[in-house]
Amino acid sequence: MASGDGLRPVLAETVAEARAQAEELEDLEGRAIRAAEKRRVAISRMTETRRKMRELGRKISEQEAMLREEPPDAQALAVSAPQSVSSRTSTPTTIAGAPAPPTAPRVG
């Protein structure tokens, strides 16, 4: 029995180390699962952002194409349009046609 008593502390120490390692592995597994979930969410967001950017690019291309198209009556409008507002009046106007506010004299 004397030889069996010498093994008990070694076995107890080995069991304690095994339990500590098992707890550490469980902690690492939990961290790995959380990291994988965060990565999945980030990839999902990036995929959605890419989809939105492609859609925006498509819409911009459509608008650009529409602006580049010249309607058939555009040339007739340009020929029959009256002179520009700036050549008819010396008073600056805003887009809405209202007189522009007076500007302060330049110093300097």
PDB file of N, CA and C in Angstrom:
ATOM      1  N   MET A   1       0.791  -1.188   0.000  1.00  0.00           N
ATOM      2  CA  MET A   1       0.000   0.000   0.000  1.00  0.00           C
ATOM      3  C   MET A   1       0.841   1.263   0.000  1.00  0.00           C
ATOM      4  N   ALA A   2       2.027   1.148   0.404  1.00  0.00           N
ATOM      5  CA  ALA A   2       2.910   2.297   0.459  1.00  0.00           C
ATOM      6  C   ALA A   2       3.170   2.849  -0.926  1.00  0.00           C
ATOM      7  N   SER A   3       3.310   1.969  -1.913  1.00  0.00           N
ATOM      8  CA  SER A   3       3.568   2.449  -3.272  1.00  0.00           C
ATOM      9  C   SER A   3       2.314   3.099  -3.874  1.00  0.00           C
ATOM     10  N   GLY A   4       1.101   2.659  -3.528  1.00  0.00           N
ATOM     11  CA  GLY A   4      -0.146   3.238  -4.006  1.00  0.00           C
ATOM     12  C   GLY A   4      -0.387   4.617  -3.422  1.00  0.00           C
ATOM     13  N   ASP A   5       0.088   4.837  -2.194  1.00  0.00           N
ATOM     14  CA  ASP A   5      -0.105   6.141  -1.559  1.00  0.00           C
ATOM     15  C   ASP A   5       0.731   7.220  -2.243  1.00  0.00           C
ATOM     16  N   GLY A   6       1.836   6.855  -2.829  1.00  0.00           N
ATOM     17  CA  GLY A   6       2.689   7.824  -3.514  1.00  0.00           C
ATOM     18  C   GLY A   6       2.099   8.291  -4.836  1.00  0.00           C
ATOM     19  N   LEU A   7       1.243   7.470  -5.404  1.00  0.00           N
ATOM     20  CA  LEU A   7       0.623   7.817  -6.682  1.00  0.00           C
ATOM     21  C   LEU A   7      -0.598   8.727  -6.515  1.00  0.00           C
ATOM     22  N   ARG A   8      -1.221   8.684  -5.363  1.00  0.00           N
ATOM     23  CA  ARG A   8      -2.439   9.486  -5.170  1.00  0.00           C
ATOM     24  C   ARG A   8      -2.197  10.981  -5.370  1.00  0.00           C
ATOM     25  N   PRO A   9      -1.151  11.573  -4.796  1.00  0.00           N
ATOM     26  CA  PRO A   9      -0.938  13.003  -5.042  1.00  0.00           C
ATOM     27  C   PRO A   9      -0.661  13.301  -6.518  1.00  0.00           C
ATOM     28  N   VAL A  10       0.042  12.412  -7.186  1.00  0.00           N
ATOM     29  CA  VAL A  10       0.329  12.601  -8.609  1.00  0.00           C
ATOM     30  C   VAL A  10      -0.973  12.516  -9.409  1.00  0.00           C
ATOM     31  N   LEU A  11      -1.809  11.528  -9.086  1.00  0.00           N
ATOM     32  CA  LEU A  11      -3.101  11.393  -9.768  1.00  0.00           C
ATOM     33  C   LEU A  11      -3.994  12.595  -9.482  1.00  0.00           C
ATOM     34  N   ALA A  12      -4.030  13.058  -8.275  1.00  0.00           N
ATOM     35  CA  ALA A  12      -4.856  14.215  -7.910  1.00  0.00           C
ATOM     36  C   ALA A  12      -4.394  15.456  -8.666  1.00  0.00           C
ATOM     37  N   GLU A  13      -3.088  15.611  -8.764  1.00  0.00           N
ATOM     38  CA  GLU A  13      -2.536  16.761  -9.487  1.00  0.00           C
ATOM     39  C   GLU A  13      -2.869  16.661 -10.977  1.00  0.00           C
ATOM     40  N   THR A  14      -2.754  15.466 -11.534  1.00  0.00           N
ATOM     41  CA  THR A  14      -3.062  15.247 -12.951  1.00  0.00           C
ATOM     42  C   THR A  14      -4.533  15.507 -13.227  1.00  0.00           C
ATOM     43  N   VAL A  15      -5.414  15.059 -12.349  1.00  0.00           N
ATOM     44  CA  VAL A  15      -6.858  15.283 -12.509  1.00  0.00           C
ATOM     45  C   VAL A  15      -7.160  16.780 -12.424  1.00  0.00           C
ATOM     46  N   ALA A  16      -6.526  17.473 -11.491  1.00  0.00           N
ATOM     47  CA  ALA A  16      -6.746  18.914 -11.337  1.00  0.00           C
ATOM     48  C   ALA A  16      -6.284  19.664 -12.589  1.00  0.00           C
ATOM     49  N   GLU A  17      -5.138  19.283 -13.138  1.00  0.00           N
ATOM     50  CA  GLU A  17      -4.636  19.911 -14.361  1.00  0.00           C
ATOM     51  C   GLU A  17      -5.572  19.640 -15.542  1.00  0.00           C
ATOM     52  N   ALA A  18      -6.084  18.418 -15.610  1.00  0.00           N
ATOM     53  CA  ALA A  18      -7.006  18.059 -16.691  1.00  0.00           C
ATOM     54  C   ALA A  18      -8.288  18.888 -16.595  1.00  0.00           C
ATOM     55  N   ARG A  19      -8.800  19.081 -15.382  1.00  0.00           N
ATOM     56  CA  ARG A  19     -10.007  19.907 -15.205  1.00  0.00           C
ATOM     57  C   ARG A  19      -9.732  21.357 -15.606  1.00  0.00           C
ATOM     58  N   ALA A  20      -8.571  21.874 -15.212  1.00  0.00           N
ATOM     59  CA  ALA A  20      -8.212  23.256 -15.558  1.00  0.00           C
ATOM     60  C   ALA A  20      -8.105  23.409 -17.075  1.00  0.00           C
ATOM     61  N   GLN A  21      -7.501  22.435 -17.719  1.00  0.00           N
ATOM     62  CA  GLN A  21      -7.382  22.483 -19.178  1.00  0.00           C
ATOM     63  C   GLN A  21      -8.749  22.379 -19.846  1.00  0.00           C
ATOM     64  N   ALA A  22      -9.636  21.562 -19.295  1.00  0.00           N
ATOM     65  CA  ALA A  22     -10.985  21.426 -19.848  1.00  0.00           C
ATOM     66  C   ALA A  22     -11.736  22.757 -19.739  1.00  0.00           C
ATOM     67  N   GLU A  23     -11.601  23.441 -18.601  1.00  0.00           N
ATOM     68  CA  GLU A  23     -12.255  24.746 -18.426  1.00  0.00           C
ATOM     69  C   GLU A  23     -11.671  25.766 -19.405  1.00  0.00           C
ATOM     70  N   GLU A  24     -10.362  25.722 -19.580  1.00  0.00           N
ATOM     71  CA  GLU A  24      -9.703  26.640 -20.505  1.00  0.00           C
ATOM     72  C   GLU A  24     -10.168  26.382 -21.941  1.00  0.00           C
ATOM     73  N   LEU A  25     -10.297  25.108 -22.302  1.00  0.00           N
ATOM     74  CA  LEU A  25     -10.775  24.760 -23.640  1.00  0.00           C
ATOM     75  C   LEU A  25     -12.218  25.227 -23.855  1.00  0.00           C
ATOM     76  N   GLU A  26     -13.050  25.088 -22.835  1.00  0.00           N
ATOM     77  CA  GLU A  26     -14.439  25.562 -22.940  1.00  0.00           C
ATOM     78  C   GLU A  26     -14.468  27.074 -23.134  1.00  0.00           C
ATOM     79  N   ASP A  27     -13.602  27.788 -22.401  1.00  0.00           N
ATOM     80  CA  ASP A  27     -13.525  29.241 -22.540  1.00  0.00           C
ATOM     81  C   ASP A  27     -13.068  29.616 -23.954  1.00  0.00           C
ATOM     82  N   LEU A  28     -12.048  28.938 -24.448  1.00  0.00           N
ATOM     83  CA  LEU A  28     -11.558  29.200 -25.803  1.00  0.00           C
ATOM     84  C   LEU A  28     -12.616  28.888 -26.862  1.00  0.00           C
ATOM     85  N   GLU A  29     -13.374  27.816 -26.641  1.00  0.00           N
ATOM     86  CA  GLU A  29     -14.440  27.461 -27.578  1.00  0.00           C
ATOM     87  C   GLU A  29     -15.509  28.555 -27.608  1.00  0.00           C
ATOM     88  N   GLY A  30     -15.867  29.070 -26.432  1.00  0.00           N
ATOM     89  CA  GLY A  30     -16.847  30.152 -26.363  1.00  0.00           C
ATOM     90  C   GLY A  30     -16.358  31.400 -27.086  1.00  0.00           C
ATOM     91  N   ARG A  31     -15.081  31.728 -26.889  1.00  0.00           N
ATOM     92  CA  ARG A  31     -14.510  32.894 -27.576  1.00  0.00           C
ATOM     93  C   ARG A  31     -14.503  32.688 -29.079  1.00  0.00           C
ATOM     94  N   ALA A  32     -14.152  31.486 -29.520  1.00  0.00           N
ATOM     95  CA  ALA A  32     -14.116  31.189 -30.954  1.00  0.00           C
ATOM     96  C   ALA A  32     -15.511  31.302 -31.564  1.00  0.00           C
ATOM     97  N   ILE A  33     -16.509  30.832 -30.840  1.00  0.00           N
ATOM     98  CA  ILE A  33     -17.890  30.915 -31.336  1.00  0.00           C
ATOM     99  C   ILE A  33     -18.321  32.377 -31.443  1.00  0.00           C
ATOM    100  N   ARG A  34     -17.997  33.196 -30.420  1.00  0.00           N
ATOM    101  CA  ARG A  34     -18.355  34.622 -30.467  1.00  0.00           C
ATOM    102  C   ARG A  34     -17.621  35.337 -31.600  1.00  0.00           C
ATOM    103  N   ALA A  35     -16.349  35.016 -31.799  1.00  0.00           N
ATOM    104  CA  ALA A  35     -15.577  35.632 -32.883  1.00  0.00           C
ATOM    105  C   ALA A  35     -16.155  35.239 -34.248  1.00  0.00           C
ATOM    106  N   ALA A  36     -16.529  33.990 -34.397  1.00  0.00           N
ATOM    107  CA  ALA A  36     -17.121  33.531 -35.663  1.00  0.00           C
ATOM    108  C   ALA A  36     -18.445  34.248 -35.926  1.00  0.00           C
ATOM    109  N   GLU A  37     -19.242  34.459 -34.890  1.00  0.00           N
ATOM    110  CA  GLU A  37     -20.522  35.158 -35.058  1.00  0.00           C
ATOM    111  C   GLU A  37     -20.290  36.616 -35.455  1.00  0.00           C
ATOM    112  N   LYS A  38     -19.325  37.255 -34.807  1.00  0.00           N
ATOM    113  CA  LYS A  38     -19.001  38.646 -35.169  1.00  0.00           C
ATOM    114  C   LYS A  38     -18.523  38.726 -36.614  1.00  0.00           C
ATOM    115  N   ARG A  39     -17.700  37.787 -37.022  1.00  0.00           N
ATOM    116  CA  ARG A  39     -17.199  37.753 -38.395  1.00  0.00           C
ATOM    117  C   ARG A  39     -18.352  37.537 -39.368  1.00  0.00           C
ATOM    118  N   ARG A  40     -19.287  36.661 -39.029  1.00  0.00           N
ATOM    119  CA  ARG A  40     -20.440  36.405 -39.895  1.00  0.00           C
ATOM    120  C   ARG A  40     -21.282  37.668 -40.060  1.00  0.00           C
ATOM    121  N   VAL A  41     -21.503  38.388 -38.951  1.00  0.00           N
ATOM    122  CA  VAL A  41     -22.283  39.627 -39.004  1.00  0.00           C
ATOM    123  C   VAL A  41     -21.558  40.670 -39.853  1.00  0.00           C
ATOM    124  N   ALA A  42     -20.236  40.788 -39.682  1.00  0.00           N
ATOM    125  CA  ALA A  42     -19.462  41.763 -40.456  1.00  0.00           C
ATOM    126  C   ALA A  42     -19.509  41.435 -41.948  1.00  0.00           C
ATOM    127  N   ILE A  43     -19.389  40.174 -42.288  1.00  0.00           N
ATOM    128  CA  ILE A  43     -19.450  39.767 -43.700  1.00  0.00           C
ATOM    129  C   ILE A  43     -20.834  40.046 -44.268  1.00  0.00           C
ATOM    130  N   SER A  44     -21.859  39.801 -43.478  1.00  0.00           N
ATOM    131  CA  SER A  44     -23.223  40.073 -43.923  1.00  0.00           C
ATOM    132  C   SER A  44     -23.412  41.566 -44.195  1.00  0.00           C
ATOM    133  N   ARG A  45     -22.908  42.414 -43.279  1.00  0.00           N
ATOM    134  CA  ARG A  45     -23.006  43.866 -43.483  1.00  0.00           C
ATOM    135  C   ARG A  45     -22.251  44.296 -44.736  1.00  0.00           C
ATOM    136  N   MET A  46     -21.054  43.740 -44.923  1.00  0.00           N
ATOM    137  CA  MET A  46     -20.253  44.101 -46.088  1.00  0.00           C
ATOM    138  C   MET A  46     -20.959  43.674 -47.375  1.00  0.00           C
ATOM    139  N   THR A  47     -21.559  42.504 -47.374  1.00  0.00           N
ATOM    140  CA  THR A  47     -22.294  42.026 -48.549  1.00  0.00           C
ATOM    141  C   THR A  47     -23.460  42.953 -48.860  1.00  0.00           C
ATOM    142  N   GLU A  48     -24.179  43.356 -47.830  1.00  0.00           N
ATOM    143  CA  GLU A  48     -25.314  44.274 -48.032  1.00  0.00           C
ATOM    144  C   GLU A  48     -24.837  45.630 -48.539  1.00  0.00           C
ATOM    145  N   THR A  49     -23.727  46.118 -48.005  1.00  0.00           N
ATOM    146  CA  THR A  49     -23.177  47.399 -48.459  1.00  0.00           C
ATOM    147  C   THR A  49     -22.767  47.310 -49.922  1.00  0.00           C
ATOM    148  N   ARG A  50     -22.121  46.215 -50.316  1.00  0.00           N
ATOM    149  CA  ARG A  50     -21.743  46.036 -51.720  1.00  0.00           C
ATOM    150  C   ARG A  50     -22.966  46.022 -52.619  1.00  0.00           C
ATOM    151  N   ARG A  51     -24.027  45.333 -52.177  1.00  0.00           N
ATOM    152  CA  ARG A  51     -25.261  45.278 -52.974  1.00  0.00           C
ATOM    153  C   ARG A  51     -25.837  46.676 -53.154  1.00  0.00           C
ATOM    154  N   LYS A  52     -25.857  47.450 -52.065  1.00  0.00           N
ATOM    155  CA  LYS A  52     -26.389  48.816 -52.134  1.00  0.00           C
ATOM    156  C   LYS A  52     -25.532  49.697 -53.045  1.00  0.00           C
ATOM    157  N   MET A  53     -24.223  49.522 -52.986  1.00  0.00           N
ATOM    158  CA  MET A  53     -23.329  50.321 -53.833  1.00  0.00           C
ATOM    159  C   MET A  53     -23.547  49.982 -55.310  1.00  0.00           C
ATOM    160  N   ARG A  54     -23.712  48.684 -55.622  1.00  0.00           N
ATOM    161  CA  ARG A  54     -23.991  48.300 -57.011  1.00  0.00           C
ATOM    162  C   ARG A  54     -25.318  48.902 -57.477  1.00  0.00           C
ATOM    163  N   GLU A  55     -26.332  48.858 -56.615  1.00  0.00           N
ATOM    164  CA  GLU A  55     -27.637  49.423 -56.955  1.00  0.00           C
ATOM    165  C   GLU A  55     -27.525  50.936 -57.174  1.00  0.00           C
ATOM    166  N   LEU A  56     -26.801  51.605 -56.310  1.00  0.00           N
ATOM    167  CA  LEU A  56     -26.605  53.049 -56.456  1.00  0.00           C
ATOM    168  C   LEU A  56     -25.862  53.356 -57.754  1.00  0.00           C
ATOM    169  N   GLY A  57     -24.832  52.578 -58.053  1.00  0.00           N
ATOM    170  CA  GLY A  57     -24.091  52.763 -59.306  1.00  0.00           C
ATOM    171  C   GLY A  57     -24.993  52.579 -60.517  1.00  0.00           C
ATOM    172  N   ARG A  58     -25.871  51.583 -60.445  1.00  0.00           N
ATOM    173  CA  ARG A  58     -26.813  51.343 -61.547  1.00  0.00           C
ATOM    174  C   ARG A  58     -27.757  52.537 -61.718  1.00  0.00           C
ATOM    175  N   LYS A  59     -28.277  53.046 -60.596  1.00  0.00           N
ATOM    176  CA  LYS A  59     -29.194  54.187 -60.667  1.00  0.00           C
ATOM    177  C   LYS A  59     -28.491  55.425 -61.216  1.00  0.00           C
ATOM    178  N   ILE A  60     -27.249  55.639 -60.781  1.00  0.00           N
ATOM    179  CA  ILE A  60     -26.498  56.795 -61.281  1.00  0.00           C
ATOM    180  C   ILE A  60     -26.256  56.657 -62.775  1.00  0.00           C
ATOM    181  N   SER A  61     -25.918  55.459 -63.224  1.00  0.00           N
ATOM    182  CA  SER A  61     -25.704  55.227 -64.663  1.00  0.00           C
ATOM    183  C   SER A  61     -26.982  55.497 -65.448  1.00  0.00           C
ATOM    184  N   GLU A  62     -28.131  55.071 -64.911  1.00  0.00           N
ATOM    185  CA  GLU A  62     -29.408  55.322 -65.588  1.00  0.00           C
ATOM    186  C   GLU A  62     -29.678  56.823 -65.675  1.00  0.00           C
ATOM    187  N   GLN A  63     -29.434  57.539 -64.574  1.00  0.00           N
ATOM    188  CA  GLN A  63     -29.668  58.985 -64.582  1.00  0.00           C
ATOM    189  C   GLN A  63     -28.718  59.687 -65.545  1.00  0.00           C
ATOM    190  N   GLU A  64     -27.462  59.245 -65.568  1.00  0.00           N
ATOM    191  CA  GLU A  64     -26.487  59.824 -66.480  1.00  0.00           C
ATOM    192  C   GLU A  64     -26.924  59.599 -67.926  1.00  0.00           C
ATOM    193  N   ALA A  65     -27.385  58.400 -68.222  1.00  0.00           N
ATOM    194  CA  ALA A  65     -27.847  58.093 -69.578  1.00  0.00           C
ATOM    195  C   ALA A  65     -29.045  58.962 -69.954  1.00  0.00           C
ATOM    196  N   MET A  66     -29.949  59.160 -68.995  1.00  0.00           N
ATOM    197  CA  MET A  66     -31.117  60.011 -69.258  1.00  0.00           C
ATOM    198  C   MET A  66     -30.684  61.447 -69.533  1.00  0.00           C
ATOM    199  N   LEU A  67     -29.702  61.930 -68.793  1.00  0.00           N
ATOM    200  CA  LEU A  67     -29.231  63.298 -68.996  1.00  0.00           C
ATOM    201  C   LEU A  67     -28.498  63.447 -70.330  1.00  0.00           C
ATOM    202  N   ARG A  68     -27.824  62.388 -70.750  1.00  0.00           N
ATOM    203  CA  ARG A  68     -27.090  62.449 -72.010  1.00  0.00           C
ATOM    204  C   ARG A  68     -28.029  62.387 -73.215  1.00  0.00           C
ATOM    205  N   GLU A  69     -29.189  61.763 -73.039  1.00  0.00           N
ATOM    206  CA  GLU A  69     -30.156  61.694 -74.130  1.00  0.00           C
ATOM    207  C   GLU A  69     -30.704  63.090 -74.371  1.00  0.00           C
ATOM    208  N   GLU A  70     -30.783  63.459 -75.621  1.00  0.00           N
ATOM    209  CA  GLU A  70     -31.351  64.758 -75.953  1.00  0.00           C
ATOM    210  C   GLU A  70     -32.732  64.514 -76.533  1.00  0.00           C
ATOM    211  N   PRO A  71     -33.763  65.038 -75.875  1.00  0.00           N
ATOM    212  CA  PRO A  71     -35.106  64.816 -76.414  1.00  0.00           C
ATOM    213  C   PRO A  71     -35.219  65.458 -77.801  1.00  0.00           C
ATOM    214  N   PRO A  72     -36.066  64.913 -78.659  1.00  0.00           N
ATOM    215  CA  PRO A  72     -36.178  65.421 -80.030  1.00  0.00           C
ATOM    216  C   PRO A  72     -36.552  66.899 -80.088  1.00  0.00           C
ATOM    217  N   ASP A  73     -37.313  67.399 -79.147  1.00  0.00           N
ATOM    218  CA  ASP A  73     -37.719  68.801 -79.195  1.00  0.00           C
ATOM    219  C   ASP A  73     -36.741  69.712 -78.451  1.00  0.00           C
ATOM    220  N   ALA A  74     -35.644  69.208 -77.943  1.00  0.00           N
ATOM    221  CA  ALA A  74     -34.690  70.025 -77.192  1.00  0.00           C
ATOM    222  C   ALA A  74     -34.015  71.043 -78.097  1.00  0.00           C
ATOM    223  N   GLN A  75     -33.694  70.649 -79.331  1.00  0.00           N
ATOM    224  CA  GLN A  75     -33.042  71.575 -80.238  1.00  0.00           C
ATOM    225  C   GLN A  75     -34.017  72.689 -80.628  1.00  0.00           C
ATOM    226  N   ALA A  76     -35.265  72.373 -80.822  1.00  0.00           N
ATOM    227  CA  ALA A  76     -36.262  73.390 -81.146  1.00  0.00           C
ATOM    228  C   ALA A  76     -36.422  74.359 -79.983  1.00  0.00           C
ATOM    229  N   LEU A  77     -36.390  73.850 -78.758  1.00  0.00           N
ATOM    230  CA  LEU A  77     -36.495  74.719 -77.586  1.00  0.00           C
ATOM    231  C   LEU A  77     -35.297  75.650 -77.493  1.00  0.00           C
ATOM    232  N   ALA A  78     -34.129  75.162 -77.799  1.00  0.00           N
ATOM    233  CA  ALA A  78     -32.920  75.977 -77.711  1.00  0.00           C
ATOM    234  C   ALA A  78     -32.958  77.095 -78.740  1.00  0.00           C
ATOM    235  N   VAL A  79     -33.500  76.838 -79.926  1.00  0.00           N
ATOM    236  CA  VAL A  79     -33.561  77.849 -80.983  1.00  0.00           C
ATOM    237  C   VAL A  79     -34.613  78.895 -80.657  1.00  0.00           C
ATOM    238  N   SER A  80     -35.760  78.497 -80.132  1.00  0.00           N
ATOM    239  CA  SER A  80     -36.846  79.438 -79.905  1.00  0.00           C
ATOM    240  C   SER A  80     -36.815  80.065 -78.518  1.00  0.00           C
ATOM    241  N   ALA A  81     -35.856  79.696 -77.675  1.00  0.00           N
ATOM    242  CA  ALA A  81     -35.796  80.238 -76.314  1.00  0.00           C
ATOM    243  C   ALA A  81     -35.393  81.703 -76.351  1.00  0.00           C
ATOM    244  N   PRO A  82     -36.026  82.526 -75.483  1.00  0.00           N
ATOM    245  CA  PRO A  82     -35.657  83.946 -75.437  1.00  0.00           C
ATOM    246  C   PRO A  82     -34.254  84.102 -74.869  1.00  0.00           C
ATOM    247  N   GLN A  83     -33.709  85.335 -74.957  1.00  0.00           N
ATOM    248  CA  GLN A  83     -32.367  85.549 -74.434  1.00  0.00           C
ATOM    249  C   GLN A  83     -32.331  85.258 -72.944  1.00  0.00           C
ATOM    250  N   SER A  84     -31.156  85.002 -72.463  1.00  0.00           N
ATOM    251  CA  SER A  84     -31.023  84.622 -71.057  1.00  0.00           C
ATOM    252  C   SER A  84     -31.380  85.776 -70.154  1.00  0.00           C
ATOM    253  N   VAL A  85     -31.718  85.480 -68.936  1.00  0.00           N
ATOM    254  CA  VAL A  85     -32.109  86.481 -67.952  1.00  0.00           C
ATOM    255  C   VAL A  85     -30.974  87.458 -67.718  1.00  0.00           C
ATOM    256  N   SER A  86     -29.747  86.999 -67.704  1.00  0.00           N
ATOM    257  CA  SER A  86     -28.625  87.884 -67.402  1.00  0.00           C
ATOM    258  C   SER A  86     -28.414  88.922 -68.496  1.00  0.00           C
ATOM    259  N   SER A  87     -28.771  88.612 -69.745  1.00  0.00           N
ATOM    260  CA  SER A  87     -28.583  89.594 -70.807  1.00  0.00           C
ATOM    261  C   SER A  87     -29.741  90.587 -70.863  1.00  0.00           C
ATOM    262  N   ARG A  88     -30.885  90.262 -70.263  1.00  0.00           N
ATOM    263  CA  ARG A  88     -32.038  91.169 -70.277  1.00  0.00           C
ATOM    264  C   ARG A  88     -32.007  92.176 -69.152  1.00  0.00           C
ATOM    265  N   THR A  89     -31.322  91.882 -68.103  1.00  0.00           N
ATOM    266  CA  THR A  89     -31.357  92.765 -66.948  1.00  0.00           C
ATOM    267  C   THR A  89     -29.974  92.878 -66.343  1.00  0.00           C
ATOM    268  N   SER A  90     -29.716  93.976 -65.706  1.00  0.00           N
ATOM    269  CA  SER A  90     -28.413  94.150 -65.066  1.00  0.00           C
ATOM    270  C   SER A  90     -28.488  93.795 -63.583  1.00  0.00           C
ATOM    271  N   THR A  91     -29.698  93.522 -63.080  1.00  0.00           N
ATOM    272  CA  THR A  91     -29.865  93.156 -61.675  1.00  0.00           C
ATOM    273  C   THR A  91     -29.678  91.654 -61.525  1.00  0.00           C
ATOM    274  N   PRO A  92     -28.758  91.235 -60.661  1.00  0.00           N
ATOM    275  CA  PRO A  92     -28.599  89.791 -60.466  1.00  0.00           C
ATOM    276  C   PRO A  92     -29.867  89.200 -59.858  1.00  0.00           C
ATOM    277  N   THR A  93     -30.197  87.991 -60.303  1.00  0.00           N
ATOM    278  CA  THR A  93     -31.387  87.333 -59.773  1.00  0.00           C
ATOM    279  C   THR A  93     -31.019  85.962 -59.228  1.00  0.00           C
ATOM    280  N   THR A  94     -31.879  85.460 -58.353  1.00  0.00           N
ATOM    281  CA  THR A  94     -31.688  84.109 -57.828  1.00  0.00           C
ATOM    282  C   THR A  94     -32.357  83.131 -58.764  1.00  0.00           C
ATOM    283  N   ILE A  95     -32.292  81.882 -58.460  1.00  0.00           N
ATOM    284  CA  ILE A  95     -32.898  80.852 -59.311  1.00  0.00           C
ATOM    285  C   ILE A  95     -34.397  81.065 -59.410  1.00  0.00           C
ATOM    286  N   ALA A  96     -35.036  81.476 -58.330  1.00  0.00           N
ATOM    287  CA  ALA A  96     -36.490  81.657 -58.339  1.00  0.00           C
ATOM    288  C   ALA A  96     -36.889  82.936 -59.062  1.00  0.00           C
ATOM    289  N   GLY A  97     -35.945  83.750 -59.486  1.00  0.00           N
ATOM    290  CA  GLY A  97     -36.269  84.972 -60.206  1.00  0.00           C
ATOM    291  C   GLY A  97     -36.359  86.187 -59.309  1.00  0.00           C
ATOM    292  N   ALA A  98     -36.236  86.014 -58.014  1.00  0.00           N
ATOM    293  CA  ALA A  98     -36.283  87.154 -57.099  1.00  0.00           C
ATOM    294  C   ALA A  98     -34.935  87.870 -57.144  1.00  0.00           C
ATOM    295  N   PRO A  99     -34.940  89.191 -56.873  1.00  0.00           N
ATOM    296  CA  PRO A  99     -33.670  89.916 -56.880  1.00  0.00           C
ATOM    297  C   PRO A  99     -32.717  89.327 -55.824  1.00  0.00           C
ATOM    298  N   ALA A 100     -31.454  89.281 -56.188  1.00  0.00           N
ATOM    299  CA  ALA A 100     -30.439  88.779 -55.273  1.00  0.00           C
ATOM    300  C   ALA A 100     -30.157  89.845 -54.204  1.00  0.00           C
ATOM    301  N   PRO A 101     -29.817  89.442 -52.989  1.00  0.00           N
ATOM    302  CA  PRO A 101     -29.492  90.417 -51.952  1.00  0.00           C
ATOM    303  C   PRO A 101     -28.244  91.192 -52.330  1.00  0.00           C
ATOM    304  N   PRO A 102     -28.145  92.450 -51.906  1.00  0.00           N
ATOM    305  CA  PRO A 102     -26.974  93.253 -52.258  1.00  0.00           C
ATOM    306  C   PRO A 102     -25.715  92.631 -51.649  1.00  0.00           C
ATOM    307  N   THR A 103     -24.634  92.784 -52.357  1.00  0.00           N
ATOM    308  CA  THR A 103     -23.366  92.238 -51.862  1.00  0.00           C
ATOM    309  C   THR A 103     -22.589  93.341 -51.156  1.00  0.00           C
ATOM    310  N   ALA A 104     -21.845  92.952 -50.147  1.00  0.00           N
ATOM    311  CA  ALA A 104     -21.035  93.914 -49.406  1.00  0.00           C
ATOM    312  C   ALA A 104     -19.819  94.295 -50.245  1.00  0.00           C
ATOM    313  N   PRO A 105     -19.387  95.585 -50.153  1.00  0.00           N
ATOM    314  CA  PRO A 105     -18.205  95.982 -50.904  1.00  0.00           C
ATOM    315  C   PRO A 105     -16.976  95.229 -50.400  1.00  0.00           C
ATOM    316  N   ARG A 106     -16.070  94.956 -51.292  1.00  0.00           N
ATOM    317  CA  ARG A 106     -14.848  94.242 -50.926  1.00  0.00           C
ATOM    318  C   ARG A 106     -13.899  95.176 -50.210  1.00  0.00           C
ATOM    319  N   VAL A 107     -13.287  94.647 -49.171  1.00  0.00           N
ATOM    320  CA  VAL A 107     -12.288  95.422 -48.434  1.00  0.00           C
ATOM    321  C   VAL A 107     -10.937  94.849 -48.807  1.00  0.00           C
ATOM    322  N   GLY A 108     -10.042  95.759 -49.154  1.00  0.00           N
ATOM    323  CA  GLY A 108      -8.763  95.226 -49.301  1.00  0.00           C
ATOM    324  C   GLY A 108      -7.957  95.362 -50.431  1.00  0.00           C
TER     325      GLY A 108
END
